[in-house]
Amino acid sequence: MRGEEAFATGQVFQVKISEDRMAARLLIKPIEETKEANVRQLEALLASAGVRYGIQQELLAQIAENPQAFFLHR
């Protein structure tokens, strides 16, 4: 996805907004010692990127609890 980006502290979490601004993805950079973020921090990151609707709260809670489980393995 191309579009705007917003970074959290340490640039571990990244929000990618689609060009049509109808979709957003929360990316987690797979670094060895990923610091966990709480749900409020992730919500603030999404809000800073302009994401207001369609946020999957249950999924945010899972990401906050264990971000490593959401790493993409290449």
Protein backbone atom coordinates (compact mmCIF):
# COMPACT_ATOMS: atom_id res chain seq x y z
CA MET A 1 0.00 0.00 0.00
CA ARG A 2 1.25 3.47 -0.79
CA GLY A 3 0.12 6.58 0.98
CA GLU A 4 0.70 8.44 4.21
CA GLU A 5 2.66 7.04 7.11
CA ALA A 6 2.82 7.76 10.84
CA PHE A 7 5.41 6.30 13.20
CA ALA A 8 5.23 5.44 16.90
CA THR A 9 8.06 5.93 19.34
CA GLY A 10 11.07 3.98 18.18
CA GLN A 11 9.50 3.54 14.77
CA VAL A 12 8.41 0.00 15.63
CA PHE A 13 4.77 0.45 14.69
CA GLN A 14 3.77 2.03 11.38
CA VAL A 15 0.39 2.93 9.88
CA LYS A 16 -0.01 2.71 6.11
CA ILE A 17 -3.03 4.44 4.59
CA SER A 18 -4.21 3.46 1.11
CA GLU A 19 -4.26 6.13 -1.59
CA ASP A 20 -8.07 6.21 -1.57
CA ARG A 21 -7.94 6.59 2.24
CA MET A 22 -10.46 3.76 2.64
CA ALA A 23 -8.08 1.24 4.22
CA ALA A 24 -5.30 1.31 6.78
CA ARG A 25 -2.79 -1.29 7.93
CA LEU A 26 -0.84 -1.40 11.16
CA LEU A 27 2.64 -2.72 10.46
CA ILE A 28 5.02 -3.97 13.13
CA LYS A 29 8.69 -3.97 12.32
CA PRO A 30 10.18 -7.31 13.42
CA ILE A 31 13.03 -6.29 15.63
CA GLU A 32 14.48 -8.56 18.27
CA GLU A 33 13.18 -6.68 21.30
CA THR A 34 9.86 -5.19 20.22
CA LYS A 35 8.49 -3.08 23.02
CA GLU A 36 4.86 -3.76 23.68
CA ALA A 37 2.45 -0.91 23.17
CA ASN A 38 -0.84 -0.60 25.00
CA VAL A 39 -4.16 -0.24 23.20
CA ARG A 40 -4.31 3.51 23.90
CA GLN A 41 -0.92 4.04 22.27
CA LEU A 42 -1.99 2.07 19.20
CA GLU A 43 -5.27 4.01 19.02
CA ALA A 44 -3.31 7.28 19.25
CA LEU A 45 -1.03 6.12 16.43
CA LEU A 46 -4.03 5.30 14.24
CA ALA A 47 -5.68 8.63 15.10
CA SER A 48 -2.49 10.53 14.22
CA ALA A 49 -2.67 8.91 10.77
CA GLY A 50 -6.30 9.99 10.40
CA VAL A 51 -7.90 6.60 11.09
CA ARG A 52 -11.20 7.12 12.88
CA TYR A 53 -13.54 4.32 11.79
CA GLY A 54 -13.36 0.57 11.31
CA ILE A 55 -10.80 -0.02 14.04
CA GLN A 56 -10.85 -3.63 15.20
CA GLN A 57 -10.52 -3.21 18.97
CA GLU A 58 -10.14 -6.92 19.70
CA LEU A 59 -7.28 -7.16 17.24
CA LEU A 60 -5.60 -4.08 18.72
CA ALA A 61 -5.75 -5.72 22.14
CA GLN A 62 -4.12 -8.87 20.75
CA ILE A 63 -1.37 -6.83 19.08
CA ALA A 64 -0.75 -4.89 22.28
CA GLU A 65 -0.48 -8.12 24.26
CA ASN A 66 1.86 -9.96 21.87
CA PRO A 67 3.17 -7.97 18.88
CA GLN A 68 5.63 -10.72 17.91
CA ALA A 69 2.69 -12.98 16.97
CA PHE A 70 1.91 -10.54 14.14
CA PHE A 71 5.35 -10.45 12.52
CA LEU A 72 5.41 -11.40 8.86
CA HIS A 73 8.00 -14.10 8.33
CA ARG A 74 9.74 -13.83 4.96
